[in-house]
Amino acid sequence: MVDSTCPVPNCIDSQLSITANVIGILTFIGAVITAYLVASFQALSIGRELQEFCEDFESTAGQLSSCYKTLRSSELDELADRDTLENLMQLLHRARDQLKEMDKGIERIGIRRQYSKWKRLRTMVAGTALRDELNKSLKKAQQLLSEIQLCMIQL
């Protein structure tokens, strides 16, 4: 027995709905490919950024070592009083401690550089967080170094 009050739906799609479905699928595929490419390029650039950080770190460490040698020399004893030299040494030790703390992060960078490019994709977020943390610490050390150099110039 057929119920005549409930008509059978027409399941034929129009040309417009077929085109809209195809465009929707292509848009989704395009978005997935774009997200993958952005993530892979960002992961590859993290390695370069961390390498630049290592170079900045080495430069700062070299400048700090130079300041340390200068402060240890007997020439400054004649130019500055004892309190000024002690304050400079305290700043120097704070900057040195900051660099020692960052040494641990640099060891993690060395470990990260051993990853293949595709494994780096999975650790991109960790690399970005590490980069931000180390950059913040490096800025603090560079600020302390600038204070030390400024005080040394004023002597």
C-alpha atoms as a PDB file:
ATOM      1  CA  MET A   1       0.000   0.000   0.000  1.00  0.00           C
ATOM      2  CA  VAL A   2       1.511   3.333  -1.121  1.00  0.00           C
ATOM      3  CA  ASP A   3       0.853   6.481   0.817  1.00  0.00           C
ATOM      4  CA  SER A   4      -0.115   9.110  -1.746  1.00  0.00           C
ATOM      5  CA  THR A   5       0.135  12.016   0.707  1.00  0.00           C
ATOM      6  CA  CYS A   6       3.942  11.720   0.965  1.00  0.00           C
ATOM      7  CA  PRO A   7       5.548  12.437  -2.406  1.00  0.00           C
ATOM      8  CA  VAL A   8       8.823  10.768  -3.364  1.00  0.00           C
ATOM      9  CA  PRO A   9      11.696  13.320  -3.325  1.00  0.00           C
ATOM     10  CA  ASN A  10      13.580  14.044  -6.513  1.00  0.00           C
ATOM     11  CA  CYS A  11      17.268  13.193  -5.830  1.00  0.00           C
ATOM     12  CA  ILE A  12      18.711  14.587  -9.026  1.00  0.00           C
ATOM     13  CA  ASP A  13      21.212  17.405  -8.337  1.00  0.00           C
ATOM     14  CA  SER A  14      21.216  20.455 -10.503  1.00  0.00           C
ATOM     15  CA  GLN A  15      24.323  21.645 -12.360  1.00  0.00           C
ATOM     16  CA  LEU A  16      24.681  24.496  -9.898  1.00  0.00           C
ATOM     17  CA  SER A  17      24.703  22.233  -6.814  1.00  0.00           C
ATOM     18  CA  ILE A  18      27.229  19.868  -8.419  1.00  0.00           C
ATOM     19  CA  THR A  19      29.505  22.825  -9.252  1.00  0.00           C
ATOM     20  CA  ALA A  20      29.171  24.194  -5.707  1.00  0.00           C
ATOM     21  CA  ASN A  21      30.082  20.794  -4.226  1.00  0.00           C
ATOM     22  CA  VAL A  22      33.157  20.474  -6.452  1.00  0.00           C
ATOM     23  CA  ILE A  23      34.267  24.018  -5.611  1.00  0.00           C
ATOM     24  CA  GLY A  24      33.804  23.301  -1.885  1.00  0.00           C
ATOM     25  CA  ILE A  25      35.946  20.153  -2.093  1.00  0.00           C
ATOM     26  CA  LEU A  26      38.657  21.960  -4.081  1.00  0.00           C
ATOM     27  CA  THR A  27      38.651  24.827  -1.570  1.00  0.00           C
ATOM     28  CA  PHE A  28      39.138  22.375   1.287  1.00  0.00           C
ATOM     29  CA  ILE A  29      42.008  20.620  -0.509  1.00  0.00           C
ATOM     30  CA  GLY A  30      43.604  23.988  -1.273  1.00  0.00           C
ATOM     31  CA  ALA A  31      43.359  25.033   2.374  1.00  0.00           C
ATOM     32  CA  VAL A  32      44.973  21.790   3.556  1.00  0.00           C
ATOM     33  CA  ILE A  33      47.837  22.131   1.053  1.00  0.00           C
ATOM     34  CA  THR A  34      48.368  25.786   1.984  1.00  0.00           C
ATOM     35  CA  ALA A  35      48.464  24.981   5.703  1.00  0.00           C
ATOM     36  CA  TYR A  36      50.989  22.211   5.073  1.00  0.00           C
ATOM     37  CA  LEU A  37      53.229  24.488   2.987  1.00  0.00           C
ATOM     38  CA  VAL A  38      53.109  27.299   5.542  1.00  0.00           C
ATOM     39  CA  ALA A  39      53.982  24.892   8.348  1.00  0.00           C
ATOM     40  CA  SER A  40      56.854  23.339   6.409  1.00  0.00           C
ATOM     41  CA  PHE A  41      58.362  26.704   5.428  1.00  0.00           C
ATOM     42  CA  GLN A  42      58.052  27.936   8.992  1.00  0.00           C
ATOM     43  CA  ALA A  43      59.717  24.776  10.297  1.00  0.00           C
ATOM     44  CA  LEU A  44      62.593  25.228   7.879  1.00  0.00           C
ATOM     45  CA  SER A  45      63.025  28.882   8.833  1.00  0.00           C
ATOM     46  CA  ILE A  46      63.174  27.983  12.535  1.00  0.00           C
ATOM     47  CA  GLY A  47      66.500  26.267  11.883  1.00  0.00           C
ATOM     48  CA  ARG A  48      67.924  29.406  10.280  1.00  0.00           C
ATOM     49  CA  GLU A  49      66.614  31.623  13.062  1.00  0.00           C
ATOM     50  CA  LEU A  50      68.121  29.388  15.722  1.00  0.00           C
ATOM     51  CA  GLN A  51      71.442  29.445  13.839  1.00  0.00           C
ATOM     52  CA  GLU A  52      71.362  33.259  13.818  1.00  0.00           C
ATOM     53  CA  PHE A  53      70.624  33.154  17.535  1.00  0.00           C
ATOM     54  CA  CYS A  54      73.717  30.992  18.107  1.00  0.00           C
ATOM     55  CA  GLU A  55      75.824  33.547  16.248  1.00  0.00           C
ATOM     56  CA  ASP A  56      74.378  36.389  18.348  1.00  0.00           C
ATOM     57  CA  PHE A  57      75.037  34.375  21.482  1.00  0.00           C
ATOM     58  CA  GLU A  58      78.671  33.778  20.538  1.00  0.00           C
ATOM     59  CA  SER A  59      79.136  37.467  19.758  1.00  0.00           C
ATOM     60  CA  THR A  60      77.646  38.496  23.103  1.00  0.00           C
ATOM     61  CA  ALA A  61      79.761  35.930  24.938  1.00  0.00           C
ATOM     62  CA  GLY A  62      82.887  37.267  23.218  1.00  0.00           C
ATOM     63  CA  GLN A  63      82.067  40.845  24.157  1.00  0.00           C
ATOM     64  CA  LEU A  64      81.369  39.778  27.718  1.00  0.00           C
ATOM     65  CA  SER A  65      84.702  37.972  27.879  1.00  0.00           C
ATOM     66  CA  SER A  66      86.456  41.076  26.588  1.00  0.00           C
ATOM     67  CA  CYS A  67      84.768  43.206  29.256  1.00  0.00           C
ATOM     68  CA  TYR A  68      85.766  40.685  31.900  1.00  0.00           C
ATOM     69  CA  LYS A  69      89.422  40.818  30.826  1.00  0.00           C
ATOM     70  CA  THR A  70      89.345  44.607  30.833  1.00  0.00           C
ATOM     71  CA  LEU A  71      87.801  44.742  34.292  1.00  0.00           C
ATOM     72  CA  ARG A  72      90.404  42.310  35.590  1.00  0.00           C
ATOM     73  CA  SER A  73      93.247  44.461  34.295  1.00  0.00           C
ATOM     74  CA  SER A  74      95.040  46.714  36.726  1.00  0.00           C
ATOM     75  CA  GLU A  75      94.561  49.791  34.515  1.00  0.00           C
ATOM     76  CA  LEU A  76      90.991  50.312  35.740  1.00  0.00           C
ATOM     77  CA  ASP A  77      92.054  50.237  39.395  1.00  0.00           C
ATOM     78  CA  GLU A  78      93.698  53.602  38.848  1.00  0.00           C
ATOM     79  CA  LEU A  79      90.738  55.106  36.947  1.00  0.00           C
ATOM     80  CA  ALA A  80      87.800  54.027  39.123  1.00  0.00           C
ATOM     81  CA  ASP A  81      87.063  53.605  42.779  1.00  0.00           C
ATOM     82  CA  ARG A  82      86.519  50.201  44.351  1.00  0.00           C
ATOM     83  CA  ASP A  83      82.699  50.495  44.615  1.00  0.00           C
ATOM     84  CA  THR A  84      82.332  51.252  40.906  1.00  0.00           C
ATOM     85  CA  LEU A  85      84.496  48.272  40.003  1.00  0.00           C
ATOM     86  CA  GLU A  86      82.486  46.017  42.318  1.00  0.00           C
ATOM     87  CA  ASN A  87      79.214  47.188  40.752  1.00  0.00           C
ATOM     88  CA  LEU A  88      80.631  46.498  37.299  1.00  0.00           C
ATOM     89  CA  MET A  89      81.739  43.035  38.403  1.00  0.00           C
ATOM     90  CA  GLN A  90      78.269  42.313  39.791  1.00  0.00           C
ATOM     91  CA  LEU A  91      76.727  43.317  36.466  1.00  0.00           C
ATOM     92  CA  LEU A  92      79.288  41.178  34.707  1.00  0.00           C
ATOM     93  CA  HIS A  93      78.467  38.154  36.850  1.00  0.00           C
ATOM     94  CA  ARG A  94      74.731  38.625  36.260  1.00  0.00           C
ATOM     95  CA  ALA A  95      75.325  38.737  32.518  1.00  0.00           C
ATOM     96  CA  ARG A  96      77.579  35.695  32.732  1.00  0.00           C
ATOM     97  CA  ASP A  97      74.921  33.788  34.695  1.00  0.00           C
ATOM     98  CA  GLN A  98      72.364  34.737  32.056  1.00  0.00           C
ATOM     99  CA  LEU A  99      74.632  33.330  29.326  1.00  0.00           C
ATOM    100  CA  LYS A 100      75.276  30.140  31.292  1.00  0.00           C
ATOM    101  CA  GLU A 101      71.530  29.661  31.627  1.00  0.00           C
ATOM    102  CA  MET A 102      71.172  30.093  27.889  1.00  0.00           C
ATOM    103  CA  ASP A 103      73.875  27.466  27.292  1.00  0.00           C
ATOM    104  CA  LYS A 104      71.314  24.793  28.182  1.00  0.00           C
ATOM    105  CA  GLY A 105      68.995  26.147  25.508  1.00  0.00           C
ATOM    106  CA  ILE A 106      71.808  26.128  22.980  1.00  0.00           C
ATOM    107  CA  GLU A 107      72.399  22.460  23.726  1.00  0.00           C
ATOM    108  CA  ARG A 108      68.725  21.864  22.915  1.00  0.00           C
ATOM    109  CA  ILE A 109      69.248  23.768  19.639  1.00  0.00           C
ATOM    110  CA  GLY A 110      72.092  21.394  18.790  1.00  0.00           C
ATOM    111  CA  ILE A 111      69.798  18.459  19.420  1.00  0.00           C
ATOM    112  CA  ARG A 112      67.053  20.028  17.274  1.00  0.00           C
ATOM    113  CA  ARG A 113      69.437  20.564  14.366  1.00  0.00           C
ATOM    114  CA  GLN A 114      69.955  16.817  14.140  1.00  0.00           C
ATOM    115  CA  TYR A 115      66.316  16.271  13.200  1.00  0.00           C
ATOM    116  CA  SER A 116      65.432  15.768   9.589  1.00  0.00           C
ATOM    117  CA  LYS A 117      63.395  18.450   7.854  1.00  0.00           C
ATOM    118  CA  TRP A 118      60.171  16.456   8.155  1.00  0.00           C
ATOM    119  CA  LYS A 119      60.618  15.626  11.817  1.00  0.00           C
ATOM    120  CA  ARG A 120      61.187  19.352  12.371  1.00  0.00           C
ATOM    121  CA  LEU A 121      57.613  19.884  11.245  1.00  0.00           C
ATOM    122  CA  ARG A 122      56.417  18.048  14.311  1.00  0.00           C
ATOM    123  CA  THR A 123      58.666  20.038  16.617  1.00  0.00           C
ATOM    124  CA  MET A 124      57.976  23.436  15.048  1.00  0.00           C
ATOM    125  CA  VAL A 125      55.939  24.694  17.983  1.00  0.00           C
ATOM    126  CA  ALA A 126      58.604  23.587  20.455  1.00  0.00           C
ATOM    127  CA  GLY A 127      61.288  25.259  18.331  1.00  0.00           C
ATOM    128  CA  THR A 128      59.328  28.489  18.195  1.00  0.00           C
ATOM    129  CA  ALA A 129      58.819  28.495  21.958  1.00  0.00           C
ATOM    130  CA  LEU A 130      62.510  27.754  22.503  1.00  0.00           C
ATOM    131  CA  ARG A 131      63.497  30.545  20.117  1.00  0.00           C
ATOM    132  CA  ASP A 132      61.287  33.050  21.930  1.00  0.00           C
ATOM    133  CA  GLU A 133      62.573  32.001  25.349  1.00  0.00           C
ATOM    134  CA  LEU A 134      66.215  32.203  24.285  1.00  0.00           C
ATOM    135  CA  ASN A 135      65.763  35.532  22.498  1.00  0.00           C
ATOM    136  CA  LYS A 136      64.285  36.988  25.669  1.00  0.00           C
ATOM    137  CA  SER A 137      67.259  35.757  27.714  1.00  0.00           C
ATOM    138  CA  LEU A 138      69.732  37.014  25.120  1.00  0.00           C
ATOM    139  CA  LYS A 139      68.124  40.465  25.175  1.00  0.00           C
ATOM    140  CA  LYS A 140      68.570  40.577  28.964  1.00  0.00           C
ATOM    141  CA  ALA A 141      72.231  39.567  28.677  1.00  0.00           C
ATOM    142  CA  GLN A 142      72.822  42.134  25.933  1.00  0.00           C
ATOM    143  CA  GLN A 143      71.181  44.814  28.056  1.00  0.00           C
ATOM    144  CA  LEU A 144      73.481  43.975  30.972  1.00  0.00           C
ATOM    145  CA  LEU A 145      76.453  43.996  28.598  1.00  0.00           C
ATOM    146  CA  SER A 146      75.426  47.426  27.310  1.00  0.00           C
ATOM    147  CA  GLU A 147      75.264  48.728  30.884  1.00  0.00           C
ATOM    148  CA  ILE A 148      78.731  47.352  31.567  1.00  0.00           C
ATOM    149  CA  GLN A 149      80.173  48.873  28.405  1.00  0.00           C
ATOM    150  CA  LEU A 150      78.550  52.216  29.132  1.00  0.00           C
ATOM    151  CA  CYS A 151      79.989  52.284  32.642  1.00  0.00           C
ATOM    152  CA  MET A 152      83.409  51.340  31.288  1.00  0.00           C
ATOM    153  CA  ILE A 153      83.253  54.183  28.742  1.00  0.00           C
ATOM    154  CA  GLN A 154      82.354  56.646  31.476  1.00  0.00           C
ATOM    155  CA  LEU A 155      85.459  55.675  33.440  1.00  0.00           C
END
